[in-house]
PDB file of all heavy atoms in Angstrom:
ATOM      1  N   MET A   1      75.951  28.612-101.546  1.00  0.00           N
ATOM      2  CA  MET A   1      76.712  27.411-101.222  1.00  0.00           C
ATOM      3  C   MET A   1      78.137  27.522-101.782  1.00  0.00           C
ATOM      4  O   MET A   1      79.114  27.220-101.085  1.00  0.00           O
ATOM      5  CB  MET A   1      76.024  26.181-101.804  1.00  0.00           C
ATOM      6  CG  MET A   1      76.778  24.889-101.583  1.00  0.00           C
ATOM      7  SD  MET A   1      76.015  23.474-102.412  1.00  0.00           S
ATOM      8  CE  MET A   1      76.210  23.929-104.127  1.00  0.00           C
ATOM      9  N   CYS A   2      78.256  27.985-103.016  1.00  0.00           N
ATOM     10  CA  CYS A   2      79.581  28.148-103.624  1.00  0.00           C
ATOM     11  C   CYS A   2      80.398  29.206-102.889  1.00  0.00           C
ATOM     12  O   CYS A   2      81.596  29.013-102.636  1.00  0.00           O
ATOM     13  CB  CYS A   2      79.451  28.511-105.101  1.00  0.00           C
ATOM     14  SG  CYS A   2      78.862  27.152-106.124  1.00  0.00           S
ATOM     15  N   LEU A   3      79.770  30.319-102.531  1.00  0.00           N
ATOM     16  CA  LEU A   3      80.477  31.365-101.784  1.00  0.00           C
ATOM     17  C   LEU A   3      80.936  30.858-100.426  1.00  0.00           C
ATOM     18  O   LEU A   3      82.043  31.178 -99.975  1.00  0.00           O
ATOM     19  CB  LEU A   3      79.591  32.597-101.619  1.00  0.00           C
ATOM     20  CG  LEU A   3      79.388  33.444-102.870  1.00  0.00           C
ATOM     21  CD1 LEU A   3      78.302  34.481-102.628  1.00  0.00           C
ATOM     22  CD2 LEU A   3      80.694  34.109-103.283  1.00  0.00           C
ATOM     23  N   ARG A   4      80.108  30.065 -99.778  1.00  0.00           N
ATOM     24  CA  ARG A   4      80.482  29.492 -98.480  1.00  0.00           C
ATOM     25  C   ARG A   4      81.692  28.570 -98.646  1.00  0.00           C
ATOM     26  O   ARG A   4      82.627  28.593 -97.853  1.00  0.00           O
ATOM     27  CB  ARG A   4      79.306  28.736 -97.870  1.00  0.00           C
ATOM     28  CG  ARG A   4      79.551  28.291 -96.442  1.00  0.00           C
ATOM     29  CD  ARG A   4      78.312  27.676 -95.798  1.00  0.00           C
ATOM     30  NE  ARG A   4      77.209  28.642 -95.744  1.00  0.00           N
ATOM     31  CZ  ARG A   4      76.055  28.511 -96.403  1.00  0.00           C
ATOM     32  NH1 ARG A   4      75.829  27.454 -97.146  1.00  0.00           N
ATOM     33  NH2 ARG A   4      75.119  29.417 -96.298  1.00  0.00           N
ATOM     34  N   TRP A   5      81.683  27.759 -99.702  1.00  0.00           N
ATOM     35  CA  TRP A   5      82.821  26.872 -99.954  1.00  0.00           C
ATOM     36  C   TRP A   5      84.086  27.686-100.200  1.00  0.00           C
ATOM     37  O   TRP A   5      85.148  27.384 -99.650  1.00  0.00           O
ATOM     38  CB  TRP A   5      82.546  25.956-101.158  1.00  0.00           C
ATOM     39  CG  TRP A   5      83.607  24.910-101.299  1.00  0.00           C
ATOM     40  CD1 TRP A   5      83.588  23.649-100.787  1.00  0.00           C
ATOM     41  CD2 TRP A   5      84.860  25.051-101.986  1.00  0.00           C
ATOM     42  NE1 TRP A   5      84.750  23.002-101.110  1.00  0.00           N
ATOM     43  CE2 TRP A   5      85.557  23.845-101.840  1.00  0.00           C
ATOM     44  CE3 TRP A   5      85.463  26.087-102.693  1.00  0.00           C
ATOM     45  CZ2 TRP A   5      86.818  23.625-102.382  1.00  0.00           C
ATOM     46  CZ3 TRP A   5      86.728  25.880-103.231  1.00  0.00           C
ATOM     47  CH2 TRP A   5      87.387  24.668-103.080  1.00  0.00           C
ATOM     48  N   ILE A   6      83.972  28.713-101.031  1.00  0.00           N
ATOM     49  CA  ILE A   6      85.120  29.579-101.324  1.00  0.00           C
ATOM     50  C   ILE A   6      85.684  30.175-100.030  1.00  0.00           C
ATOM     51  O   ILE A   6      86.891  30.151 -99.802  1.00  0.00           O
ATOM     52  CB  ILE A   6      84.716  30.690-102.319  1.00  0.00           C
ATOM     53  CG1 ILE A   6      84.511  30.093-103.712  1.00  0.00           C
ATOM     54  CG2 ILE A   6      85.747  31.813-102.352  1.00  0.00           C
ATOM     55  CD1 ILE A   6      83.825  31.035-104.700  1.00  0.00           C
ATOM     56  N   ALA A   7      84.806  30.685 -99.188  1.00  0.00           N
ATOM     57  CA  ALA A   7      85.248  31.343 -97.953  1.00  0.00           C
ATOM     58  C   ALA A   7      85.885  30.377 -96.967  1.00  0.00           C
ATOM     59  O   ALA A   7      86.739  30.780 -96.176  1.00  0.00           O
ATOM     60  CB  ALA A   7      84.061  32.049 -97.301  1.00  0.00           C
ATOM     61  N   THR A   8      85.498  29.112 -97.010  1.00  0.00           N
ATOM     62  CA  THR A   8      86.031  28.154 -96.039  1.00  0.00           C
ATOM     63  C   THR A   8      87.156  27.284 -96.596  1.00  0.00           C
ATOM     64  O   THR A   8      87.671  26.419 -95.885  1.00  0.00           O
ATOM     65  CB  THR A   8      84.908  27.241 -95.491  1.00  0.00           C
ATOM     66  OG1 THR A   8      84.289  26.567 -96.586  1.00  0.00           O
ATOM     67  CG2 THR A   8      83.877  28.060 -94.727  1.00  0.00           C
ATOM     68  N   HIS A   9      87.531  27.494 -97.848  1.00  0.00           N
ATOM     69  CA  HIS A   9      88.591  26.698 -98.472  1.00  0.00           C
ATOM     70  C   HIS A   9      89.665  27.581 -99.103  1.00  0.00           C
ATOM     71  O   HIS A   9      90.184  27.273-100.178  1.00  0.00           O
ATOM     72  CB  HIS A   9      88.003  25.743 -99.514  1.00  0.00           C
ATOM     73  CG  HIS A   9      87.196  24.651 -98.906  1.00  0.00           C
ATOM     74  ND1 HIS A   9      85.882  24.828 -98.535  1.00  0.00           N
ATOM     75  CD2 HIS A   9      87.521  23.383 -98.579  1.00  0.00           C
ATOM     76  CE1 HIS A   9      85.428  23.701 -98.017  1.00  0.00           C
ATOM     77  NE2 HIS A   9      86.400  22.816 -98.028  1.00  0.00           N
ATOM     78  N   GLU A  10      89.995  28.659 -98.425  1.00  0.00           N
ATOM     79  CA  GLU A  10      90.971  29.602 -98.967  1.00  0.00           C
ATOM     80  C   GLU A  10      92.307  28.925 -99.283  1.00  0.00           C
ATOM     81  O   GLU A  10      92.924  29.213-100.307  1.00  0.00           O
ATOM     82  CB  GLU A  10      91.187  30.762 -97.999  1.00  0.00           C
ATOM     83  CG  GLU A  10      92.005  31.870 -98.589  1.00  0.00           C
ATOM     84  CD  GLU A  10      91.918  33.156 -97.806  1.00  0.00           C
ATOM     85  OE1 GLU A  10      90.902  33.407 -97.147  1.00  0.00           O
ATOM     86  OE2 GLU A  10      92.880  33.927 -97.865  1.00  0.00           O
ATOM     87  N   ALA A  11      92.745  28.026 -98.429  1.00  0.00           N
ATOM     88  CA  ALA A  11      94.022  27.347 -98.668  1.00  0.00           C
ATOM     89  C   ALA A  11      93.985  26.546 -99.972  1.00  0.00           C
ATOM     90  O   ALA A  11      94.979  26.488-100.705  1.00  0.00           O
ATOM     91  CB  ALA A  11      94.365  26.437 -97.495  1.00  0.00           C
ATOM     92  N   ALA A  12      92.858  25.948-100.272  1.00  0.00           N
ATOM     93  CA  ALA A  12      92.723  25.162-101.504  1.00  0.00           C
ATOM     94  C   ALA A  12      92.702  26.053-102.742  1.00  0.00           C
ATOM     95  O   ALA A  12      93.085  25.616-103.827  1.00  0.00           O
ATOM     96  CB  ALA A  12      91.452  24.319-101.452  1.00  0.00           C
ATOM     97  N   LEU A  13      92.261  27.301-102.596  1.00  0.00           N
ATOM     98  CA  LEU A  13      92.172  28.228-103.726  1.00  0.00           C
ATOM     99  C   LEU A  13      93.461  28.989-103.992  1.00  0.00           C
ATOM    100  O   LEU A  13      93.661  29.484-105.090  1.00  0.00           O
ATOM    101  CB  LEU A  13      91.065  29.259-103.472  1.00  0.00           C
ATOM    102  CG  LEU A  13      89.650  28.835-103.785  1.00  0.00           C
ATOM    103  CD1 LEU A  13      88.679  29.893-103.309  1.00  0.00           C
ATOM    104  CD2 LEU A  13      89.475  28.580-105.255  1.00  0.00           C
ATOM    105  N   ARG A  14      94.311  29.093-102.979  1.00  0.00           N
ATOM    106  CA  ARG A  14      95.497  29.938-103.085  1.00  0.00           C
ATOM    107  C   ARG A  14      96.333  29.586-104.311  1.00  0.00           C
ATOM    108  O   ARG A  14      96.835  28.482-104.434  1.00  0.00           O
ATOM    109  CB  ARG A  14      96.341  29.821-101.812  1.00  0.00           C
ATOM    110  CG  ARG A  14      97.384  30.904-101.705  1.00  0.00           C
ATOM    111  CD  ARG A  14      97.986  31.009-100.329  1.00  0.00           C
ATOM    112  NE  ARG A  14      96.959  31.400 -99.349  1.00  0.00           N
ATOM    113  CZ  ARG A  14      96.603  30.648 -98.299  1.00  0.00           C
ATOM    114  NH1 ARG A  14      97.176  29.502 -98.079  1.00  0.00           N
ATOM    115  NH2 ARG A  14      95.686  31.081 -97.467  1.00  0.00           N
ATOM    116  N   GLY A  15      96.408  30.535-105.238  1.00  0.00           N
ATOM    117  CA  GLY A  15      97.211  30.385-106.440  1.00  0.00           C
ATOM    118  C   GLY A  15      96.614  29.522-107.529  1.00  0.00           C
ATOM    119  O   GLY A  15      97.253  29.282-108.550  1.00  0.00           O
ATOM    120  N   VAL A  16      95.393  29.058-107.350  1.00  0.00           N
ATOM    121  CA  VAL A  16      94.758  28.159-108.309  1.00  0.00           C
ATOM    122  C   VAL A  16      93.969  28.957-109.347  1.00  0.00           C
ATOM    123  O   VAL A  16      93.310  29.938-109.015  1.00  0.00           O
ATOM    124  CB  VAL A  16      93.820  27.177-107.564  1.00  0.00           C
ATOM    125  CG1 VAL A  16      93.009  26.336-108.534  1.00  0.00           C
ATOM    126  CG2 VAL A  16      94.618  26.298-106.620  1.00  0.00           C
ATOM    127  N   ALA A  17      94.050  28.518-110.601  1.00  0.00           N
ATOM    128  CA  ALA A  17      93.249  29.142-111.657  1.00  0.00           C
ATOM    129  C   ALA A  17      91.778  28.803-111.431  1.00  0.00           C
ATOM    130  O   ALA A  17      91.435  27.692-111.043  1.00  0.00           O
ATOM    131  CB  ALA A  17      93.696  28.629-113.031  1.00  0.00           C
ATOM    132  N   VAL A  18      90.917  29.800-111.656  1.00  0.00           N
ATOM    133  CA  VAL A  18      89.485  29.653-111.400  1.00  0.00           C
ATOM    134  C   VAL A  18      88.710  30.039-112.662  1.00  0.00           C
ATOM    135  O   VAL A  18      89.041  31.027-113.319  1.00  0.00           O
ATOM    136  CB  VAL A  18      89.043  30.551-110.223  1.00  0.00           C
ATOM    137  CG1 VAL A  18      87.546  30.512-110.033  1.00  0.00           C
ATOM    138  CG2 VAL A  18      89.768  30.149-108.946  1.00  0.00           C
ATOM    139  N   LEU A  19      87.664  29.270-112.967  1.00  0.00           N
ATOM    140  CA  LEU A  19      86.766  29.578-114.071  1.00  0.00           C
ATOM    141  C   LEU A  19      85.368  29.784-113.510  1.00  0.00           C
ATOM    142  O   LEU A  19      84.817  28.895-112.869  1.00  0.00           O
ATOM    143  CB  LEU A  19      86.743  28.436-115.099  1.00  0.00           C
ATOM    144  CG  LEU A  19      85.694  28.535-116.210  1.00  0.00           C
ATOM    145  CD1 LEU A  19      85.943  29.777-117.072  1.00  0.00           C
ATOM    146  CD2 LEU A  19      85.700  27.275-117.055  1.00  0.00           C
ATOM    147  N   ASP A  20      84.815  30.968-113.717  1.00  0.00           N
ATOM    148  CA  ASP A  20      83.427  31.266-113.345  1.00  0.00           C
ATOM    149  C   ASP A  20      82.642  31.245-114.655  1.00  0.00           C
ATOM    150  O   ASP A  20      82.625  32.222-115.395  1.00  0.00           O
ATOM    151  CB  ASP A  20      83.349  32.624-112.648  1.00  0.00           C
ATOM    152  CG  ASP A  20      81.950  32.976-112.168  1.00  0.00           C
ATOM    153  OD1 ASP A  20      80.999  32.205-112.436  1.00  0.00           O
ATOM    154  OD2 ASP A  20      81.801  34.038-111.535  1.00  0.00           O
ATOM    155  N   TYR A  21      82.033  30.112-114.936  1.00  0.00           N
ATOM    156  CA  TYR A  21      81.338  29.898-116.211  1.00  0.00           C
ATOM    157  C   TYR A  21      79.865  30.238-116.023  1.00  0.00           C
ATOM    158  O   TYR A  21      79.180  29.632-115.214  1.00  0.00           O
ATOM    159  CB  TYR A  21      81.509  28.437-116.644  1.00  0.00           C
ATOM    160  CG  TYR A  21      81.065  28.168-118.043  1.00  0.00           C
ATOM    161  CD1 TYR A  21      81.886  28.485-119.120  1.00  0.00           C
ATOM    162  CD2 TYR A  21      79.833  27.596-118.301  1.00  0.00           C
ATOM    163  CE1 TYR A  21      81.486  28.237-120.408  1.00  0.00           C
ATOM    164  CE2 TYR A  21      79.425  27.344-119.597  1.00  0.00           C
ATOM    165  CZ  TYR A  21      80.245  27.673-120.641  1.00  0.00           C
ATOM    166  OH  TYR A  21      79.853  27.436-121.927  1.00  0.00           O
ATOM    167  N   GLY A  22      79.392  31.223-116.783  1.00  0.00           N
ATOM    168  CA  GLY A  22      78.051  31.761-116.562  1.00  0.00           C
ATOM    169  C   GLY A  22      78.127  32.733-115.409  1.00  0.00           C
ATOM    170  O   GLY A  22      77.414  32.633-114.422  1.00  0.00           O
ATOM    171  N   CYS A  23      79.038  33.690-115.532  1.00  0.00           N
ATOM    172  CA  CYS A  23      79.447  34.532-114.405  1.00  0.00           C
ATOM    173  C   CYS A  23      78.385  35.493-113.892  1.00  0.00           C
ATOM    174  O   CYS A  23      78.480  35.934-112.743  1.00  0.00           O
ATOM    175  CB  CYS A  23      80.712  35.300-114.756  1.00  0.00           C
ATOM    176  SG  CYS A  23      80.548  36.396-116.186  1.00  0.00           S
ATOM    177  N   GLY A  24      77.386  35.831-114.700  1.00  0.00           N
ATOM    178  CA  GLY A  24      76.368  36.763-114.213  1.00  0.00           C
ATOM    179  C   GLY A  24      76.990  38.072-113.776  1.00  0.00           C
ATOM    180  O   GLY A  24      77.593  38.779-114.570  1.00  0.00           O
ATOM    181  N   SER A  25      76.904  38.374-112.497  1.00  0.00           N
ATOM    182  CA  SER A  25      77.468  39.620-111.955  1.00  0.00           C
ATOM    183  C   SER A  25      78.950  39.493-111.618  1.00  0.00           C
ATOM    184  O   SER A  25      79.593  40.479-111.289  1.00  0.00           O
ATOM    185  CB  SER A  25      76.707  40.020-110.695  1.00  0.00           C
ATOM    186  OG  SER A  25      76.917  39.045-109.676  1.00  0.00           O
ATOM    187  N   GLY A  26      79.475  38.271-111.666  1.00  0.00           N
ATOM    188  CA  GLY A  26      80.877  38.039-111.338  1.00  0.00           C
ATOM    189  C   GLY A  26      81.129  37.729-109.876  1.00  0.00           C
ATOM    190  O   GLY A  26      82.271  37.653-109.438  1.00  0.00           O
ATOM    191  N   ILE A  27      80.083  37.516-109.106  1.00  0.00           N
ATOM    192  CA  ILE A  27      80.240  37.361-107.663  1.00  0.00           C
ATOM    193  C   ILE A  27      81.133  36.185-107.278  1.00  0.00           C
ATOM    194  O   ILE A  27      81.945  36.296-106.357  1.00  0.00           O
ATOM    195  CB  ILE A  27      78.872  37.291-106.951  1.00  0.00           C
ATOM    196  CG1 ILE A  27      79.072  37.402-105.445  1.00  0.00           C
ATOM    197  CG2 ILE A  27      78.105  36.042-107.351  1.00  0.00           C
ATOM    198  CD1 ILE A  27      77.820  37.716-104.677  1.00  0.00           C
ATOM    199  N   LEU A  28      81.028  35.062-107.980  1.00  0.00           N
ATOM    200  CA  LEU A  28      81.873  33.924-107.621  1.00  0.00           C
ATOM    201  C   LEU A  28      83.326  34.169-108.015  1.00  0.00           C
ATOM    202  O   LEU A  28      84.239  33.813-107.258  1.00  0.00           O
ATOM    203  CB  LEU A  28      81.346  32.635-108.254  1.00  0.00           C
ATOM    204  CG  LEU A  28      79.980  32.183-107.742  1.00  0.00           C
ATOM    205  CD1 LEU A  28      79.534  30.926-108.480  1.00  0.00           C
ATOM    206  CD2 LEU A  28      80.007  31.951-106.242  1.00  0.00           C
ATOM    207  N   ALA A  29      83.556  34.789-109.149  1.00  0.00           N
ATOM    208  CA  ALA A  29      84.921  35.118-109.555  1.00  0.00           C
ATOM    209  C   ALA A  29      85.548  36.100-108.575  1.00  0.00           C
ATOM    210  O   ALA A  29      86.710  35.955-108.185  1.00  0.00           O
ATOM    211  CB  ALA A  29      84.918  35.706-110.968  1.00  0.00           C
ATOM    212  N   ILE A  30      84.792  37.082-108.150  1.00  0.00           N
ATOM    213  CA  ILE A  30      85.285  38.077-107.195  1.00  0.00           C
ATOM    214  C   ILE A  30      85.566  37.412-105.852  1.00  0.00           C
ATOM    215  O   ILE A  30      86.608  37.650-105.234  1.00  0.00           O
ATOM    216  CB  ILE A  30      84.294  39.242-107.060  1.00  0.00           C
ATOM    217  CG1 ILE A  30      84.228  40.017-108.375  1.00  0.00           C
ATOM    218  CG2 ILE A  30      84.664  40.150-105.898  1.00  0.00           C
ATOM    219  CD1 ILE A  30      83.042  40.952-108.499  1.00  0.00           C
ATOM    220  N   GLY A  31      84.648  36.573-105.405  1.00  0.00           N
ATOM    221  CA  GLY A  31      84.863  35.853-104.153  1.00  0.00           C
ATOM    222  C   GLY A  31      86.114  34.998-104.208  1.00  0.00           C
ATOM    223  O   GLY A  31      86.908  34.971-103.263  1.00  0.00           O
ATOM    224  N   ALA A  32      86.306  34.299-105.328  1.00  0.00           N
ATOM    225  CA  ALA A  32      87.496  33.463-105.481  1.00  0.00           C
ATOM    226  C   ALA A  32      88.770  34.309-105.459  1.00  0.00           C
ATOM    227  O   ALA A  32      89.766  33.933-104.841  1.00  0.00           O
ATOM    228  CB  ALA A  32      87.404  32.649-106.764  1.00  0.00           C
ATOM    229  N   ALA A  33      88.734  35.458-106.120  1.00  0.00           N
ATOM    230  CA  ALA A  33      89.907  36.344-106.128  1.00  0.00           C
ATOM    231  C   ALA A  33      90.221  36.857-104.729  1.00  0.00           C
ATOM    232  O   ALA A  33      91.387  36.936-104.330  1.00  0.00           O
ATOM    233  CB  ALA A  33      89.675  37.512-107.079  1.00  0.00           C
ATOM    234  N   LEU A  34      89.200  37.187-103.970  1.00  0.00           N
ATOM    235  CA  LEU A  34      89.404  37.683-102.606  1.00  0.00           C
ATOM    236  C   LEU A  34      89.943  36.608-101.670  1.00  0.00           C
ATOM    237  O   LEU A  34      90.514  36.918-100.628  1.00  0.00           O
ATOM    238  CB  LEU A  34      88.094  38.241-102.047  1.00  0.00           C
ATOM    239  CG  LEU A  34      87.582  39.521-102.690  1.00  0.00           C
ATOM    240  CD1 LEU A  34      86.189  39.862-102.177  1.00  0.00           C
ATOM    241  CD2 LEU A  34      88.555  40.663-102.418  1.00  0.00           C
ATOM    242  N   HIS A  35      89.769  35.356-102.052  1.00  0.00           N
ATOM    243  CA  HIS A  35      90.208  34.251-101.209  1.00  0.00           C
ATOM    244  C   HIS A  35      91.362  33.464-101.814  1.00  0.00           C
ATOM    245  O   HIS A  35      91.542  32.282-101.525  1.00  0.00           O
ATOM    246  CB  HIS A  35      89.027  33.336-100.883  1.00  0.00           C
ATOM    247  CG  HIS A  35      88.061  33.975 -99.945  1.00  0.00           C
ATOM    248  ND1 HIS A  35      88.271  34.052 -98.590  1.00  0.00           N
ATOM    249  CD2 HIS A  35      86.902  34.623-100.166  1.00  0.00           C
ATOM    250  CE1 HIS A  35      87.280  34.692 -98.016  1.00  0.00           C
ATOM    251  NE2 HIS A  35      86.425  35.058 -98.968  1.00  0.00           N
ATOM    252  N   GLY A  36      92.160  34.130-102.646  1.00  0.00           N
ATOM    253  CA  GLY A  36      93.414  33.545-103.091  1.00  0.00           C
ATOM    254  C   GLY A  36      93.473  32.974-104.480  1.00  0.00           C
ATOM    255  O   GLY A  36      94.549  32.604-104.941  1.00  0.00           O
ATOM    256  N   GLY A  37      92.346  32.863-105.173  1.00  0.00           N
ATOM    257  CA  GLY A  37      92.360  32.362-106.543  1.00  0.00           C
ATOM    258  C   GLY A  37      93.110  33.326-107.453  1.00  0.00           C
ATOM    259  O   GLY A  37      93.098  34.537-107.242  1.00  0.00           O
ATOM    260  N   ARG A  38      93.788  32.797-108.445  1.00  0.00           N
ATOM    261  CA  ARG A  38      94.542  33.629-109.385  1.00  0.00           C
ATOM    262  C   ARG A  38      94.252  33.171-110.809  1.00  0.00           C
ATOM    263  O   ARG A  38      93.835  32.039-111.026  1.00  0.00           O
ATOM    264  CB  ARG A  38      96.045  33.528-109.116  1.00  0.00           C
ATOM    265  CG  ARG A  38      96.447  34.069-107.756  1.00  0.00           C
ATOM    266  CD  ARG A  38      96.245  35.591-107.716  1.00  0.00           C
ATOM    267  NE  ARG A  38      96.495  36.124-106.393  1.00  0.00           N
ATOM    268  CZ  ARG A  38      95.546  36.477-105.522  1.00  0.00           C
ATOM    269  NH1 ARG A  38      94.277  36.339-105.828  1.00  0.00           N
ATOM    270  NH2 ARG A  38      95.844  36.977-104.350  1.00  0.00           N
ATOM    271  N   GLY A  39      94.524  34.043-111.768  1.00  0.00           N
ATOM    272  CA  GLY A  39      94.271  33.690-113.164  1.00  0.00           C
ATOM    273  C   GLY A  39      92.808  33.389-113.387  1.00  0.00           C
ATOM    274  O   GLY A  39      92.461  32.386-113.998  1.00  0.00           O
ATOM    275  N   ILE A  40      91.958  34.238-112.869  1.00  0.00           N
ATOM    276  CA  ILE A  40      90.522  33.989-112.889  1.00  0.00           C
ATOM    277  C   ILE A  40      89.917  34.397-114.230  1.00  0.00           C
ATOM    278  O   ILE A  40      90.143  35.504-114.707  1.00  0.00           O
ATOM    279  CB  ILE A  40      89.838  34.731-111.722  1.00  0.00           C
ATOM    280  CG1 ILE A  40      90.363  34.150-110.424  1.00  0.00           C
ATOM    281  CG2 ILE A  40      88.324  34.632-111.820  1.00  0.00           C
ATOM    282  CD1 ILE A  40      89.955  34.884-109.196  1.00  0.00           C
ATOM    283  N   ASP A  41      89.166  33.470-114.807  1.00  0.00           N
ATOM    284  CA  ASP A  41      88.424  33.736-116.033  1.00  0.00           C
ATOM    285  C   ASP A  41      86.941  33.708-115.692  1.00  0.00           C
ATOM    286  O   ASP A  41      86.467  32.788-115.022  1.00  0.00           O
ATOM    287  CB  ASP A  41      88.708  32.682-117.099  1.00  0.00           C
ATOM    288  CG  ASP A  41      90.102  32.802-117.669  1.00  0.00           C
ATOM    289  OD1 ASP A  41      90.481  33.916-118.076  1.00  0.00           O
ATOM    290  OD2 ASP A  41      90.808  31.780-117.711  1.00  0.00           O
ATOM    291  N   ALA A  42      86.215  34.725-116.130  1.00  0.00           N
ATOM    292  CA  ALA A  42      84.766  34.798-115.928  1.00  0.00           C
ATOM    293  C   ALA A  42      84.132  34.983-117.297  1.00  0.00           C
ATOM    294  O   ALA A  42      84.438  35.944-117.994  1.00  0.00           O
ATOM    295  CB  ALA A  42      84.418  35.956-115.002  1.00  0.00           C
ATOM    296  N   VAL A  43      83.282  34.044-117.686  1.00  0.00           N
ATOM    297  CA  VAL A  43      82.684  34.073-119.024  1.00  0.00           C
ATOM    298  C   VAL A  43      81.172  33.938-118.941  1.00  0.00           C
ATOM    299  O   VAL A  43      80.631  33.358-118.002  1.00  0.00           O
ATOM    300  CB  VAL A  43      83.254  32.961-119.929  1.00  0.00           C
ATOM    301  CG1 VAL A  43      84.725  33.140-120.149  1.00  0.00           C
ATOM    302  CG2 VAL A  43      82.974  31.586-119.351  1.00  0.00           C
ATOM    303  N   ASP A  44      80.496  34.504-119.927  1.00  0.00           N
ATOM    304  CA  ASP A  44      79.044  34.406-120.009  1.00  0.00           C
ATOM    305  C   ASP A  44      78.640  34.695-121.443  1.00  0.00           C
ATOM    306  O   ASP A  44      79.353  35.411-122.155  1.00  0.00           O
ATOM    307  CB  ASP A  44      78.384  35.419-119.064  1.00  0.00           C
ATOM    308  CG  ASP A  44      76.981  35.007-118.657  1.00  0.00           C
ATOM    309  OD1 ASP A  44      76.108  34.901-119.555  1.00  0.00           O
ATOM    310  OD2 ASP A  44      76.748  34.785-117.472  1.00  0.00           O
ATOM    311  N   ILE A  45      77.514  34.147-121.871  1.00  0.00           N
ATOM    312  CA  ILE A  45      77.024  34.423-123.225  1.00  0.00           C
ATOM    313  C   ILE A  45      76.199  35.712-123.280  1.00  0.00           C
ATOM    314  O   ILE A  45      75.902  36.204-124.357  1.00  0.00           O
ATOM    315  CB  ILE A  45      76.193  33.250-123.791  1.00  0.00           C
ATOM    316  CG1 ILE A  45      74.958  32.980-122.938  1.00  0.00           C
ATOM    317  CG2 ILE A  45      77.046  31.998-123.930  1.00  0.00           C
ATOM    318  CD1 ILE A  45      73.964  32.012-123.570  1.00  0.00           C
TER     319      ILE A  45
END
């Protein structure tokens, strides 16, 4: 669901800082970066 939102809201992500909290494999952070997100932080314990 999050990946679908990222892919369909590229204009909203363009240049926006993104936080992937509980990043796991980093898939959401990577998806956000591919769709215009910048200054991406991915964190996990």
